[in-house]
Amino acid sequence: MVATDGHRLAWAQRRAALKLDGAQRVLVPRKAITELARLIEDASGEENVSFQQGDGHLIFGIGGRTLASKQVEAQFPAFEKVIAVSGDKKVSVGREALQSAIRRVSLLSSDRGRAVKLALEDGKLELSAQSPELGEAREALSVEYSGDGVEIGFNAQYLLDFLAVVGGEQVALELKDGESQGLLKPTAEDAGDYRYVVMPMRF
């Protein structure tokens, strides 16, 4: 499954016992995905979700309930190259520690862009945000990293959205430079194959 809003892209893959006649791709409306997730949560104990297409509609079934949605007829952006992106500056950081630090420093970020700057250098990941009206906030996290430094800005809410749903205690951050997209993903093997690509912001 893959979704994007033009500023970020999320891609997730899981192995499943499926029988298909060739590859199939469908576009599902966001509202339908949200409703399907709610149905899955309500159907506790039910492990299987059925899916079929018919006459421009997508039909999902779980726990005796059926959800029908119109199929989106549009061209989805080419995402294969985006999810293959990687950076040469790689670091692993605690999910909760990073989440808390972003929340604290983003309190002083501009309301317009909610930009938070990440500065990676030897042994340290520093987060900062500033506002002409409120001042500046800085916080540093200790990390195992030795290499060239890099500074990059991201929308704080985009990072928090990822950290709220990713599994595991540690997350991996891969950066190239201040002008290229960043890649975040879980490090735990049981967290699944999940990648989250975020475009940078300029300060």
C-alpha atoms as a PDB file:
ATOM      1  CA  MET A   1       0.000   0.000   0.000  1.00  0.00           C
ATOM      2  CA  VAL A   2       1.234   3.496  -0.819  1.00  0.00           C
ATOM      3  CA  ALA A   3      -0.166   6.973  -0.243  1.00  0.00           C
ATOM      4  CA  THR A   4       1.103  10.494  -0.873  1.00  0.00           C
ATOM      5  CA  ASP A   5      -0.016  14.108  -0.563  1.00  0.00           C
ATOM      6  CA  GLY A   6       2.805  15.545  -2.634  1.00  0.00           C
ATOM      7  CA  HIS A   7       4.919  16.497   0.394  1.00  0.00           C
ATOM      8  CA  ARG A   8       5.410  13.033   1.875  1.00  0.00           C
ATOM      9  CA  LEU A   9       4.924   9.437   0.843  1.00  0.00           C
ATOM     10  CA  ALA A  10       4.193   6.358   2.934  1.00  0.00           C
ATOM     11  CA  TRP A  11       4.756   2.826   1.652  1.00  0.00           C
ATOM     12  CA  ALA A  12       4.029  -0.411   3.477  1.00  0.00           C
ATOM     13  CA  GLN A  13       4.302  -4.037   2.399  1.00  0.00           C
ATOM     14  CA  ARG A  14       3.263  -7.266   4.096  1.00  0.00           C
ATOM     15  CA  ARG A  15       3.240 -10.832   2.853  1.00  0.00           C
ATOM     16  CA  ALA A  16      -0.199 -12.389   2.584  1.00  0.00           C
ATOM     17  CA  ALA A  17      -1.787 -15.555   1.211  1.00  0.00           C
ATOM     18  CA  LEU A  18      -3.365 -14.138  -1.936  1.00  0.00           C
ATOM     19  CA  LYS A  19      -4.432 -15.792  -5.168  1.00  0.00           C
ATOM     20  CA  LEU A  20      -4.464 -13.325  -8.059  1.00  0.00           C
ATOM     21  CA  ASP A  21      -4.552 -13.621 -11.832  1.00  0.00           C
ATOM     22  CA  GLY A  22      -1.714 -11.195 -12.487  1.00  0.00           C
ATOM     23  CA  ALA A  23      -0.831  -7.979 -10.690  1.00  0.00           C
ATOM     24  CA  GLN A  24      -3.619  -5.588  -9.766  1.00  0.00           C
ATOM     25  CA  ARG A  25      -3.501  -1.944  -8.731  1.00  0.00           C
ATOM     26  CA  VAL A  26      -6.458   0.042  -7.447  1.00  0.00           C
ATOM     27  CA  LEU A  27      -6.845   3.539  -6.003  1.00  0.00           C
ATOM     28  CA  VAL A  28      -8.887   3.625  -2.812  1.00  0.00           C
ATOM     29  CA  PRO A  29     -10.328   6.926  -1.500  1.00  0.00           C
ATOM     30  CA  ARG A  30      -8.817   8.112   1.772  1.00  0.00           C
ATOM     31  CA  LYS A  31     -12.234   8.195   3.430  1.00  0.00           C
ATOM     32  CA  ALA A  32     -12.809   4.538   2.549  1.00  0.00           C
ATOM     33  CA  ILE A  33      -9.412   3.529   3.979  1.00  0.00           C
ATOM     34  CA  THR A  34     -10.195   5.379   7.216  1.00  0.00           C
ATOM     35  CA  GLU A  35     -13.573   3.673   7.487  1.00  0.00           C
ATOM     36  CA  LEU A  36     -12.054   0.266   6.720  1.00  0.00           C
ATOM     37  CA  ALA A  37      -9.495   0.758   9.483  1.00  0.00           C
ATOM     38  CA  ARG A  38     -12.322   1.519  11.909  1.00  0.00           C
ATOM     39  CA  LEU A  39     -14.195  -1.627  10.888  1.00  0.00           C
ATOM     40  CA  ILE A  40     -11.071  -3.724  11.378  1.00  0.00           C
ATOM     41  CA  GLU A  41     -10.599  -2.302  14.886  1.00  0.00           C
ATOM     42  CA  ASP A  42     -14.241  -3.008  15.750  1.00  0.00           C
ATOM     43  CA  ALA A  43     -14.017  -6.597  14.469  1.00  0.00           C
ATOM     44  CA  SER A  44     -11.622  -7.738  17.170  1.00  0.00           C
ATOM     45  CA  GLY A  45     -10.605 -11.351  16.710  1.00  0.00           C
ATOM     46  CA  GLU A  46     -11.472 -11.365  13.012  1.00  0.00           C
ATOM     47  CA  GLU A  47      -8.240 -11.825  11.057  1.00  0.00           C
ATOM     48  CA  ASN A  48      -9.404 -11.884   7.430  1.00  0.00           C
ATOM     49  CA  VAL A  49     -10.616  -9.055   5.219  1.00  0.00           C
ATOM     50  CA  SER A  50     -12.204  -9.889   1.854  1.00  0.00           C
ATOM     51  CA  PHE A  51     -11.827  -7.642  -1.181  1.00  0.00           C
ATOM     52  CA  GLN A  52     -13.321  -7.583  -4.657  1.00  0.00           C
ATOM     53  CA  GLN A  53     -13.897  -5.187  -7.544  1.00  0.00           C
ATOM     54  CA  GLY A  54     -17.054  -4.701  -9.525  1.00  0.00           C
ATOM     55  CA  ASP A  55     -18.529  -2.039 -11.814  1.00  0.00           C
ATOM     56  CA  GLY A  56     -16.233   0.753 -10.668  1.00  0.00           C
ATOM     57  CA  HIS A  57     -16.656  -0.133  -7.012  1.00  0.00           C
ATOM     58  CA  LEU A  58     -14.392  -1.642  -4.364  1.00  0.00           C
ATOM     59  CA  ILE A  59     -16.036  -3.975  -1.873  1.00  0.00           C
ATOM     60  CA  PHE A  60     -14.475  -4.954   1.454  1.00  0.00           C
ATOM     61  CA  GLY A  61     -15.885  -7.411   3.942  1.00  0.00           C
ATOM     62  CA  ILE A  62     -14.911  -8.135   7.552  1.00  0.00           C
ATOM     63  CA  GLY A  63     -16.702  -9.629  10.520  1.00  0.00           C
ATOM     64  CA  GLY A  64     -20.042  -9.885   8.724  1.00  0.00           C
ATOM     65  CA  ARG A  65     -19.953  -6.231   7.651  1.00  0.00           C
ATOM     66  CA  THR A  66     -19.477  -4.897   4.115  1.00  0.00           C
ATOM     67  CA  LEU A  67     -17.967  -1.621   2.953  1.00  0.00           C
ATOM     68  CA  ALA A  68     -18.472  -0.462  -0.637  1.00  0.00           C
ATOM     69  CA  SER A  69     -16.605   2.465  -2.146  1.00  0.00           C
ATOM     70  CA  LYS A  70     -16.229   4.036  -5.551  1.00  0.00           C
ATOM     71  CA  GLN A  71     -12.934   3.272  -7.230  1.00  0.00           C
ATOM     72  CA  VAL A  72     -10.810   6.325  -7.972  1.00  0.00           C
ATOM     73  CA  GLU A  73     -10.128   6.701 -11.674  1.00  0.00           C
ATOM     74  CA  ALA A  74      -6.840   8.607 -11.807  1.00  0.00           C
ATOM     75  CA  GLN A  75      -3.134   8.137 -12.429  1.00  0.00           C
ATOM     76  CA  PHE A  76      -1.183   7.588  -9.235  1.00  0.00           C
ATOM     77  CA  PRO A  77       2.284   9.201  -9.140  1.00  0.00           C
ATOM     78  CA  ALA A  78       5.245   6.967  -9.970  1.00  0.00           C
ATOM     79  CA  PHE A  79       6.458   5.971  -6.520  1.00  0.00           C
ATOM     80  CA  GLU A  80       8.956   3.179  -7.172  1.00  0.00           C
ATOM     81  CA  LYS A  81      11.953   5.507  -7.408  1.00  0.00           C
ATOM     82  CA  VAL A  82      10.823   7.490  -4.379  1.00  0.00           C
ATOM     83  CA  ILE A  83      10.701   4.498  -2.021  1.00  0.00           C
ATOM     84  CA  ALA A  84      14.092   3.329  -3.304  1.00  0.00           C
ATOM     85  CA  VAL A  85      15.719   6.537  -2.038  1.00  0.00           C
ATOM     86  CA  SER A  86      18.431   6.216   0.577  1.00  0.00           C
ATOM     87  CA  GLY A  87      20.882   8.570   2.216  1.00  0.00           C
ATOM     88  CA  ASP A  88      24.519   8.043   3.127  1.00  0.00           C
ATOM     89  CA  LYS A  89      24.020   9.634   6.557  1.00  0.00           C
ATOM     90  CA  LYS A  90      22.223   7.017   8.632  1.00  0.00           C
ATOM     91  CA  VAL A  91      21.335   7.045  12.309  1.00  0.00           C
ATOM     92  CA  SER A  92      19.074   5.107  14.671  1.00  0.00           C
ATOM     93  CA  VAL A  93      17.198   7.025  17.368  1.00  0.00           C
ATOM     94  CA  GLY A  94      14.660   6.169  20.054  1.00  0.00           C
ATOM     95  CA  ARG A  95      11.109   6.672  18.809  1.00  0.00           C
ATOM     96  CA  GLU A  96       9.670   8.116  22.024  1.00  0.00           C
ATOM     97  CA  ALA A  97      12.686  10.347  22.656  1.00  0.00           C
ATOM     98  CA  LEU A  98      12.520  11.791  19.141  1.00  0.00           C
ATOM     99  CA  GLN A  99       8.746  12.207  19.345  1.00  0.00           C
ATOM    100  CA  SER A 100       8.965  14.086  22.657  1.00  0.00           C
ATOM    101  CA  ALA A 101      11.812  16.306  21.465  1.00  0.00           C
ATOM    102  CA  ILE A 102       9.942  17.303  18.297  1.00  0.00           C
ATOM    103  CA  ARG A 103       6.831  18.139  20.311  1.00  0.00           C
ATOM    104  CA  ARG A 104       8.800  20.370  22.673  1.00  0.00           C
ATOM    105  CA  VAL A 105      10.833  22.330  20.128  1.00  0.00           C
ATOM    106  CA  SER A 106       7.928  22.681  17.682  1.00  0.00           C
ATOM    107  CA  LEU A 107       6.074  24.769  20.254  1.00  0.00           C
ATOM    108  CA  LEU A 108       8.262  27.648  19.079  1.00  0.00           C
ATOM    109  CA  SER A 109       8.021  26.914  15.374  1.00  0.00           C
ATOM    110  CA  SER A 110       6.181  29.203  13.000  1.00  0.00           C
ATOM    111  CA  ASP A 111       2.464  28.444  12.727  1.00  0.00           C
ATOM    112  CA  ARG A 112       2.702  28.743   8.961  1.00  0.00           C
ATOM    113  CA  GLY A 113       5.092  25.900   8.243  1.00  0.00           C
ATOM    114  CA  ARG A 114       5.728  24.216  11.610  1.00  0.00           C
ATOM    115  CA  ALA A 115       9.342  23.826  10.492  1.00  0.00           C
ATOM    116  CA  VAL A 116      11.809  22.012  12.724  1.00  0.00           C
ATOM    117  CA  LYS A 117      15.496  21.867  11.842  1.00  0.00           C
ATOM    118  CA  LEU A 118      17.470  18.655  12.367  1.00  0.00           C
ATOM    119  CA  ALA A 119      21.259  18.907  12.614  1.00  0.00           C
ATOM    120  CA  LEU A 120      23.126  15.607  12.579  1.00  0.00           C
ATOM    121  CA  GLU A 121      26.774  15.528  13.642  1.00  0.00           C
ATOM    122  CA  ASP A 122      29.180  13.301  15.553  1.00  0.00           C
ATOM    123  CA  GLY A 123      27.314  11.682  18.441  1.00  0.00           C
ATOM    124  CA  LYS A 124      24.408  14.119  18.366  1.00  0.00           C
ATOM    125  CA  LEU A 125      21.103  14.877  16.666  1.00  0.00           C
ATOM    126  CA  GLU A 126      20.058  18.425  17.472  1.00  0.00           C
ATOM    127  CA  LEU A 127      16.512  19.664  16.901  1.00  0.00           C
ATOM    128  CA  SER A 128      15.637  23.343  16.813  1.00  0.00           C
ATOM    129  CA  ALA A 129      12.816  25.693  15.904  1.00  0.00           C
ATOM    130  CA  GLN A 130      12.385  29.417  16.035  1.00  0.00           C
ATOM    131  CA  SER A 131       9.768  32.098  15.718  1.00  0.00           C
ATOM    132  CA  PRO A 132      10.340  35.865  15.431  1.00  0.00           C
ATOM    133  CA  GLU A 133       7.612  36.417  18.033  1.00  0.00           C
ATOM    134  CA  LEU A 134       8.350  33.602  20.484  1.00  0.00           C
ATOM    135  CA  GLY A 135      12.092  32.938  20.326  1.00  0.00           C
ATOM    136  CA  GLU A 136      14.095  29.755  19.772  1.00  0.00           C
ATOM    137  CA  ALA A 137      14.099  26.219  21.166  1.00  0.00           C
ATOM    138  CA  ARG A 138      16.900  23.655  20.921  1.00  0.00           C
ATOM    139  CA  GLU A 139      17.229  20.085  22.143  1.00  0.00           C
ATOM    140  CA  ALA A 140      19.924  17.473  21.509  1.00  0.00           C
ATOM    141  CA  LEU A 141      19.650  13.676  21.462  1.00  0.00           C
ATOM    142  CA  SER A 142      22.671  11.408  21.835  1.00  0.00           C
ATOM    143  CA  VAL A 143      23.078   9.068  18.862  1.00  0.00           C
ATOM    144  CA  GLU A 144      25.700   6.689  17.527  1.00  0.00           C
ATOM    145  CA  TYR A 145      26.905   8.573  14.479  1.00  0.00           C
ATOM    146  CA  SER A 146      30.249   9.580  13.066  1.00  0.00           C
ATOM    147  CA  GLY A 147      30.494  11.198   9.682  1.00  0.00           C
ATOM    148  CA  ASP A 148      29.791  14.368   7.788  1.00  0.00           C
ATOM    149  CA  GLY A 149      27.272  16.695   9.365  1.00  0.00           C
ATOM    150  CA  VAL A 150      24.017  17.701   7.717  1.00  0.00           C
ATOM    151  CA  GLU A 151      21.245  20.201   8.471  1.00  0.00           C
ATOM    152  CA  ILE A 152      17.731  19.805   7.129  1.00  0.00           C
ATOM    153  CA  GLY A 153      14.266  21.166   7.868  1.00  0.00           C
ATOM    154  CA  PHE A 154      11.026  19.195   8.057  1.00  0.00           C
ATOM    155  CA  ASN A 155       7.417  19.916   8.872  1.00  0.00           C
ATOM    156  CA  ALA A 156       7.132  18.847  12.511  1.00  0.00           C
ATOM    157  CA  GLN A 157       3.631  17.427  12.088  1.00  0.00           C
ATOM    158  CA  TYR A 158       4.765  15.173   9.240  1.00  0.00           C
ATOM    159  CA  LEU A 159       7.410  13.635  11.503  1.00  0.00           C
ATOM    160  CA  LEU A 160       4.972  13.273  14.403  1.00  0.00           C
ATOM    161  CA  ASP A 161       2.448  11.525  12.151  1.00  0.00           C
ATOM    162  CA  PHE A 162       5.067   8.892  11.311  1.00  0.00           C
ATOM    163  CA  LEU A 163       6.212   8.428  14.901  1.00  0.00           C
ATOM    164  CA  ALA A 164       2.614   7.990  16.093  1.00  0.00           C
ATOM    165  CA  VAL A 165       2.026   4.901  13.958  1.00  0.00           C
ATOM    166  CA  VAL A 166       5.417   3.261  13.480  1.00  0.00           C
ATOM    167  CA  GLY A 167       6.121   0.157  15.537  1.00  0.00           C
ATOM    168  CA  GLY A 168       9.202  -0.588  17.618  1.00  0.00           C
ATOM    169  CA  GLU A 169      11.334   1.355  20.048  1.00  0.00           C
ATOM    170  CA  GLN A 170      13.879   2.599  17.502  1.00  0.00           C
ATOM    171  CA  VAL A 171      13.501   4.296  14.129  1.00  0.00           C
ATOM    172  CA  ALA A 172      16.069   4.753  11.381  1.00  0.00           C
ATOM    173  CA  LEU A 173      16.679   8.132   9.770  1.00  0.00           C
ATOM    174  CA  GLU A 174      18.524   8.394   6.454  1.00  0.00           C
ATOM    175  CA  LEU A 175      19.614  11.754   5.048  1.00  0.00           C
ATOM    176  CA  LYS A 176      21.606  12.847   2.028  1.00  0.00           C
ATOM    177  CA  ASP A 177      21.795  16.644   2.229  1.00  0.00           C
ATOM    178  CA  GLY A 178      19.679  19.651   3.157  1.00  0.00           C
ATOM    179  CA  GLU A 179      17.939  19.761  -0.215  1.00  0.00           C
ATOM    180  CA  SER A 180      16.963  16.094  -0.628  1.00  0.00           C
ATOM    181  CA  GLN A 181      14.115  14.098   0.879  1.00  0.00           C
ATOM    182  CA  GLY A 182      14.599  12.212   4.123  1.00  0.00           C
ATOM    183  CA  LEU A 183      13.715   8.567   4.741  1.00  0.00           C
ATOM    184  CA  LEU A 184      12.346   7.206   8.009  1.00  0.00           C
ATOM    185  CA  LYS A 185      11.567   3.588   8.780  1.00  0.00           C
ATOM    186  CA  PRO A 186      11.295   1.208  11.745  1.00  0.00           C
ATOM    187  CA  THR A 187      14.307  -0.849  12.766  1.00  0.00           C
ATOM    188  CA  ALA A 188      12.428  -3.706  14.468  1.00  0.00           C
ATOM    189  CA  GLU A 189      11.986  -6.806  12.312  1.00  0.00           C
ATOM    190  CA  ASP A 190       8.412  -7.331  13.515  1.00  0.00           C
ATOM    191  CA  ALA A 191       7.410  -3.752  12.570  1.00  0.00           C
ATOM    192  CA  GLY A 192       6.966  -4.732   8.932  1.00  0.00           C
ATOM    193  CA  ASP A 193       8.401  -3.303   5.748  1.00  0.00           C
ATOM    194  CA  TYR A 194       7.441   0.352   6.109  1.00  0.00           C
ATOM    195  CA  ARG A 195       9.064   3.445   4.590  1.00  0.00           C
ATOM    196  CA  TYR A 196       8.166   7.085   5.028  1.00  0.00           C
ATOM    197  CA  VAL A 197       9.673   9.692   2.712  1.00  0.00           C
ATOM    198  CA  VAL A 198       9.438  13.389   3.593  1.00  0.00           C
ATOM    199  CA  MET A 199      10.375  16.363   1.464  1.00  0.00           C
ATOM    200  CA  PRO A 200      12.540  18.987   3.175  1.00  0.00           C
ATOM    201  CA  MET A 201      11.584  22.556   4.074  1.00  0.00           C
ATOM    202  CA  ARG A 202      13.742  25.620   3.622  1.00  0.00           C
ATOM    203  CA  PHE A 203      14.575  27.880   6.545  1.00  0.00           C
END
